């Protein structure tokens, strides 16, 4: 997955990883790094604040996955939100 961040033009999200990205598309490799500021995750993001939210997604997923509720300290409705968010994020990995 690599480190995600907002790209050079503030309306893209890029990563330092090239895992699964094809250089021939122009979205990865040296040309992408020069143009976007990294290997492209997504572009044409309308608002800069949305780009920051998308860039934070891997860190937020990791944080949610590391939550524990063994002693049921997290209210049931909030724990359901956590589990649903994780399921949504990993839906394509099943």
N, C-alpha and C. Protein backbone atom coordinates (compact mmCIF):
# COMPACT_ATOMS: atom_id res chain seq x y z
N UNK A 1 0.82 -1.19 0.00
CA UNK A 1 0.00 0.00 0.00
C UNK A 1 0.87 1.25 0.00
N UNK A 2 1.90 1.27 0.78
CA UNK A 2 2.80 2.42 0.79
C UNK A 2 2.25 3.60 1.54
N UNK A 3 3.02 4.64 1.58
CA UNK A 3 2.64 5.88 2.24
C UNK A 3 1.81 6.72 1.29
N UNK A 4 0.60 7.07 1.66
CA UNK A 4 -0.26 7.93 0.84
C UNK A 4 -0.13 9.36 1.31
N UNK A 5 -0.16 10.30 0.35
CA UNK A 5 -0.10 11.73 0.68
C UNK A 5 -0.77 12.52 -0.44
N UNK A 6 -1.09 13.76 -0.15
CA UNK A 6 -1.63 14.65 -1.17
C UNK A 6 -0.51 14.97 -2.15
N UNK A 7 -0.84 14.93 -3.44
CA UNK A 7 0.16 15.16 -4.48
C UNK A 7 0.51 16.62 -4.67
N UNK A 8 1.34 16.86 -5.67
CA UNK A 8 1.86 18.21 -5.93
C UNK A 8 0.77 19.26 -6.15
N UNK A 9 -0.27 18.91 -6.90
CA UNK A 9 -1.27 19.93 -7.23
C UNK A 9 -2.43 20.01 -6.23
N UNK A 10 -2.34 19.28 -5.13
CA UNK A 10 -3.32 19.31 -4.03
C UNK A 10 -4.66 18.66 -4.39
N UNK A 11 -4.86 18.22 -5.61
CA UNK A 11 -6.10 17.58 -6.01
C UNK A 11 -5.86 16.14 -6.45
N UNK A 12 -4.75 15.58 -6.01
CA UNK A 12 -4.41 14.19 -6.27
C UNK A 12 -3.93 13.55 -4.97
N UNK A 13 -3.96 12.22 -4.94
CA UNK A 13 -3.37 11.46 -3.85
C UNK A 13 -2.37 10.51 -4.49
N UNK A 14 -1.18 10.46 -3.91
CA UNK A 14 -0.09 9.66 -4.46
C UNK A 14 0.49 8.75 -3.39
N UNK A 15 1.29 7.80 -3.82
CA UNK A 15 1.97 6.89 -2.90
C UNK A 15 3.42 6.73 -3.34
N UNK A 16 4.25 6.31 -2.40
CA UNK A 16 5.64 6.02 -2.75
C UNK A 16 5.80 4.59 -3.23
N UNK A 17 4.74 3.79 -3.12
CA UNK A 17 4.78 2.39 -3.56
C UNK A 17 4.35 2.28 -5.02
N UNK A 18 4.96 1.36 -5.74
CA UNK A 18 4.53 1.11 -7.12
C UNK A 18 3.87 -0.26 -7.25
N UNK A 19 3.50 -0.83 -6.12
CA UNK A 19 2.90 -2.16 -6.08
C UNK A 19 1.60 -2.19 -6.88
N UNK A 20 1.59 -2.93 -7.96
CA UNK A 20 0.40 -3.10 -8.79
C UNK A 20 0.15 -1.98 -9.77
N UNK A 21 0.98 -0.96 -9.79
CA UNK A 21 0.79 0.16 -10.71
C UNK A 21 1.70 -0.02 -11.92
N UNK A 22 1.14 0.20 -13.10
CA UNK A 22 1.90 0.03 -14.33
C UNK A 22 2.50 1.36 -14.78
N UNK A 23 3.79 1.36 -14.98
CA UNK A 23 4.48 2.58 -15.41
C UNK A 23 4.01 3.02 -16.79
N UNK A 24 3.60 2.06 -17.62
CA UNK A 24 3.18 2.38 -18.99
C UNK A 24 1.93 3.26 -19.05
N UNK A 25 1.18 3.35 -17.96
CA UNK A 25 -0.03 4.18 -17.94
C UNK A 25 0.28 5.65 -17.67
N UNK A 26 1.48 5.94 -17.20
CA UNK A 26 1.84 7.30 -16.83
C UNK A 26 1.48 7.62 -15.39
N UNK A 27 0.87 6.67 -14.70
CA UNK A 27 0.45 6.90 -13.33
C UNK A 27 1.46 6.39 -12.31
N UNK A 28 2.54 5.81 -12.79
CA UNK A 28 3.59 5.31 -11.91
C UNK A 28 4.94 5.56 -12.58
N UNK A 29 5.99 5.46 -11.80
CA UNK A 29 7.33 5.63 -12.34
C UNK A 29 7.82 7.07 -12.24
N UNK A 30 8.92 7.32 -12.88
CA UNK A 30 9.58 8.63 -12.78
C UNK A 30 8.73 9.77 -13.33
N UNK A 31 8.03 9.54 -14.43
CA UNK A 31 7.17 10.60 -14.99
C UNK A 31 6.06 10.98 -14.01
N UNK A 32 5.46 9.98 -13.39
CA UNK A 32 4.40 10.25 -12.41
C UNK A 32 4.95 10.99 -11.20
N UNK A 33 6.14 10.60 -10.77
CA UNK A 33 6.75 11.27 -9.62
C UNK A 33 7.01 12.74 -9.93
N UNK A 34 7.45 13.03 -11.16
CA UNK A 34 7.70 14.41 -11.54
C UNK A 34 6.40 15.20 -11.65
N UNK A 35 5.39 14.60 -12.27
CA UNK A 35 4.13 15.31 -12.54
C UNK A 35 3.21 15.38 -11.32
N UNK A 36 2.98 14.23 -10.68
CA UNK A 36 2.03 14.16 -9.56
C UNK A 36 2.69 14.31 -8.20
N UNK A 37 3.96 13.98 -8.11
CA UNK A 37 4.65 13.97 -6.82
C UNK A 37 4.75 12.58 -6.23
N UNK A 38 4.39 11.58 -7.01
CA UNK A 38 4.45 10.18 -6.58
C UNK A 38 3.64 9.33 -7.53
N UNK A 39 3.51 8.06 -7.21
CA UNK A 39 2.69 7.16 -8.00
C UNK A 39 1.23 7.43 -7.69
N UNK A 40 0.42 7.61 -8.72
CA UNK A 40 -0.95 8.09 -8.58
C UNK A 40 -1.89 7.06 -7.97
N UNK A 41 -2.61 7.47 -6.94
CA UNK A 41 -3.70 6.70 -6.36
C UNK A 41 -5.02 7.19 -6.94
N UNK A 42 -5.25 8.50 -6.90
CA UNK A 42 -6.45 9.08 -7.52
C UNK A 42 -6.20 10.54 -7.87
N UNK A 43 -7.01 11.02 -8.80
CA UNK A 43 -6.86 12.40 -9.26
C UNK A 43 -8.23 13.03 -9.46
N UNK A 44 -8.23 14.26 -9.86
CA UNK A 44 -9.47 15.02 -10.10
C UNK A 44 -10.33 15.11 -8.85
N UNK A 45 -9.69 15.25 -7.72
CA UNK A 45 -10.41 15.40 -6.46
C UNK A 45 -10.84 16.86 -6.35
N UNK A 46 -12.10 17.08 -6.17
CA UNK A 46 -12.66 18.42 -6.27
C UNK A 46 -12.19 19.35 -5.16
N UNK A 47 -12.16 18.85 -3.90
CA UNK A 47 -11.77 19.71 -2.78
C UNK A 47 -10.49 19.19 -2.15
N UNK A 48 -9.60 20.11 -1.79
CA UNK A 48 -8.34 19.72 -1.16
C UNK A 48 -8.57 18.96 0.14
N UNK A 49 -9.58 19.34 0.91
CA UNK A 49 -9.83 18.64 2.16
C UNK A 49 -10.21 17.18 1.91
N UNK A 50 -10.85 16.90 0.78
CA UNK A 50 -11.17 15.51 0.43
C UNK A 50 -9.90 14.74 0.08
N UNK A 51 -8.96 15.40 -0.56
CA UNK A 51 -7.68 14.76 -0.88
C UNK A 51 -6.96 14.36 0.40
N UNK A 52 -7.00 15.22 1.41
CA UNK A 52 -6.37 14.89 2.70
C UNK A 52 -7.08 13.72 3.38
N UNK A 53 -8.40 13.68 3.28
CA UNK A 53 -9.16 12.57 3.86
C UNK A 53 -8.82 11.26 3.16
N UNK A 54 -8.76 11.26 1.84
CA UNK A 54 -8.40 10.05 1.09
C UNK A 54 -6.98 9.62 1.43
N UNK A 55 -6.07 10.57 1.51
CA UNK A 55 -4.67 10.25 1.82
C UNK A 55 -4.54 9.63 3.21
N UNK A 56 -5.43 9.98 4.12
CA UNK A 56 -5.37 9.45 5.49
C UNK A 56 -6.02 8.07 5.62
N UNK A 57 -6.71 7.60 4.59
CA UNK A 57 -7.48 6.36 4.67
C UNK A 57 -6.66 5.16 5.15
N UNK A 58 -5.46 4.89 4.63
CA UNK A 58 -4.72 3.72 5.12
C UNK A 58 -4.39 3.82 6.62
N UNK A 59 -4.06 5.01 7.09
CA UNK A 59 -3.75 5.17 8.52
C UNK A 59 -5.00 5.01 9.38
N UNK A 60 -6.14 5.51 8.88
CA UNK A 60 -7.38 5.35 9.63
C UNK A 60 -7.78 3.88 9.69
N UNK A 61 -7.63 3.15 8.58
CA UNK A 61 -7.93 1.73 8.58
C UNK A 61 -7.06 0.99 9.58
N UNK A 62 -5.78 1.29 9.58
CA UNK A 62 -4.88 0.64 10.52
C UNK A 62 -5.29 0.94 11.97
N UNK A 63 -5.67 2.17 12.24
CA UNK A 63 -6.09 2.54 13.59
C UNK A 63 -7.34 1.75 13.99
N UNK A 64 -8.30 1.65 13.09
CA UNK A 64 -9.52 0.91 13.40
C UNK A 64 -9.23 -0.57 13.62
N UNK A 65 -8.35 -1.13 12.81
CA UNK A 65 -8.01 -2.55 12.93
C UNK A 65 -7.29 -2.85 14.24
N UNK A 66 -6.67 -1.84 14.83
CA UNK A 66 -5.93 -2.05 16.07
C UNK A 66 -6.75 -1.76 17.32
N UNK A 67 -7.99 -1.34 17.13
CA UNK A 67 -8.87 -1.15 18.29
C UNK A 67 -9.26 -2.50 18.85
N UNK A 68 -9.37 -2.56 20.15
CA UNK A 68 -9.83 -3.78 20.82
C UNK A 68 -11.01 -3.41 21.70
N UNK A 69 -11.95 -4.32 21.79
CA UNK A 69 -13.13 -4.09 22.61
C UNK A 69 -13.39 -5.30 23.50
N UNK A 70 -12.31 -5.91 23.98
CA UNK A 70 -12.43 -7.13 24.79
C UNK A 70 -13.29 -6.93 26.04
N UNK A 71 -13.20 -5.77 26.64
CA UNK A 71 -13.96 -5.52 27.87
C UNK A 71 -15.24 -4.73 27.61
N UNK A 72 -15.63 -4.64 26.33
CA UNK A 72 -16.87 -3.96 25.92
C UNK A 72 -16.94 -2.51 26.40
N UNK A 73 -15.80 -1.83 26.39
CA UNK A 73 -15.75 -0.42 26.79
C UNK A 73 -16.31 0.49 25.69
N UNK A 74 -16.21 0.03 24.44
CA UNK A 74 -16.73 0.82 23.33
C UNK A 74 -18.22 0.48 23.19
N UNK A 75 -19.09 1.50 23.19
CA UNK A 75 -20.53 1.23 23.07
C UNK A 75 -20.83 0.40 21.81
N UNK A 76 -21.85 -0.43 21.90
CA UNK A 76 -22.18 -1.36 20.81
C UNK A 76 -22.39 -0.66 19.47
N UNK A 77 -23.09 0.48 19.47
CA UNK A 77 -23.34 1.18 18.21
C UNK A 77 -22.03 1.70 17.60
N UNK A 78 -21.11 2.16 18.45
CA UNK A 78 -19.82 2.65 17.95
C UNK A 78 -18.95 1.49 17.46
N UNK A 79 -19.00 0.37 18.16
CA UNK A 79 -18.22 -0.81 17.74
C UNK A 79 -18.73 -1.32 16.40
N UNK A 80 -20.05 -1.24 16.18
CA UNK A 80 -20.61 -1.64 14.88
C UNK A 80 -20.11 -0.72 13.77
N UNK A 81 -20.01 0.57 14.05
CA UNK A 81 -19.47 1.51 13.05
C UNK A 81 -18.02 1.14 12.70
N UNK A 82 -17.23 0.79 13.70
CA UNK A 82 -15.84 0.39 13.48
C UNK A 82 -15.78 -0.84 12.59
N UNK A 83 -16.55 -1.87 12.94
CA UNK A 83 -16.54 -3.11 12.17
C UNK A 83 -17.04 -2.89 10.75
N UNK A 84 -18.09 -2.08 10.59
CA UNK A 84 -18.63 -1.79 9.26
C UNK A 84 -17.62 -1.04 8.39
N UNK A 85 -16.91 -0.09 8.99
CA UNK A 85 -15.90 0.67 8.25
C UNK A 85 -14.77 -0.24 7.78
N UNK A 86 -14.33 -1.13 8.63
CA UNK A 86 -13.28 -2.08 8.26
C UNK A 86 -13.77 -2.99 7.15
N UNK A 87 -14.98 -3.50 7.27
CA UNK A 87 -15.54 -4.37 6.22
C UNK A 87 -15.64 -3.65 4.89
N UNK A 88 -16.08 -2.41 4.93
CA UNK A 88 -16.18 -1.61 3.71
C UNK A 88 -14.80 -1.42 3.06
N UNK A 89 -13.81 -1.11 3.87
CA UNK A 89 -12.46 -0.85 3.35
C UNK A 89 -11.83 -2.12 2.76
N UNK A 90 -12.18 -3.28 3.31
CA UNK A 90 -11.57 -4.53 2.87
C UNK A 90 -12.48 -5.34 1.95
N UNK A 91 -13.59 -4.77 1.50
CA UNK A 91 -14.57 -5.51 0.72
C UNK A 91 -13.98 -6.15 -0.53
N UNK A 92 -13.03 -5.51 -1.14
CA UNK A 92 -12.44 -6.02 -2.39
C UNK A 92 -11.40 -7.10 -2.15
N UNK A 93 -11.00 -7.29 -0.89
CA UNK A 93 -9.95 -8.27 -0.57
C UNK A 93 -10.51 -9.65 -0.28
N UNK A 94 -11.80 -9.81 -0.30
CA UNK A 94 -12.42 -11.11 0.05
C UNK A 94 -12.51 -12.01 -1.13
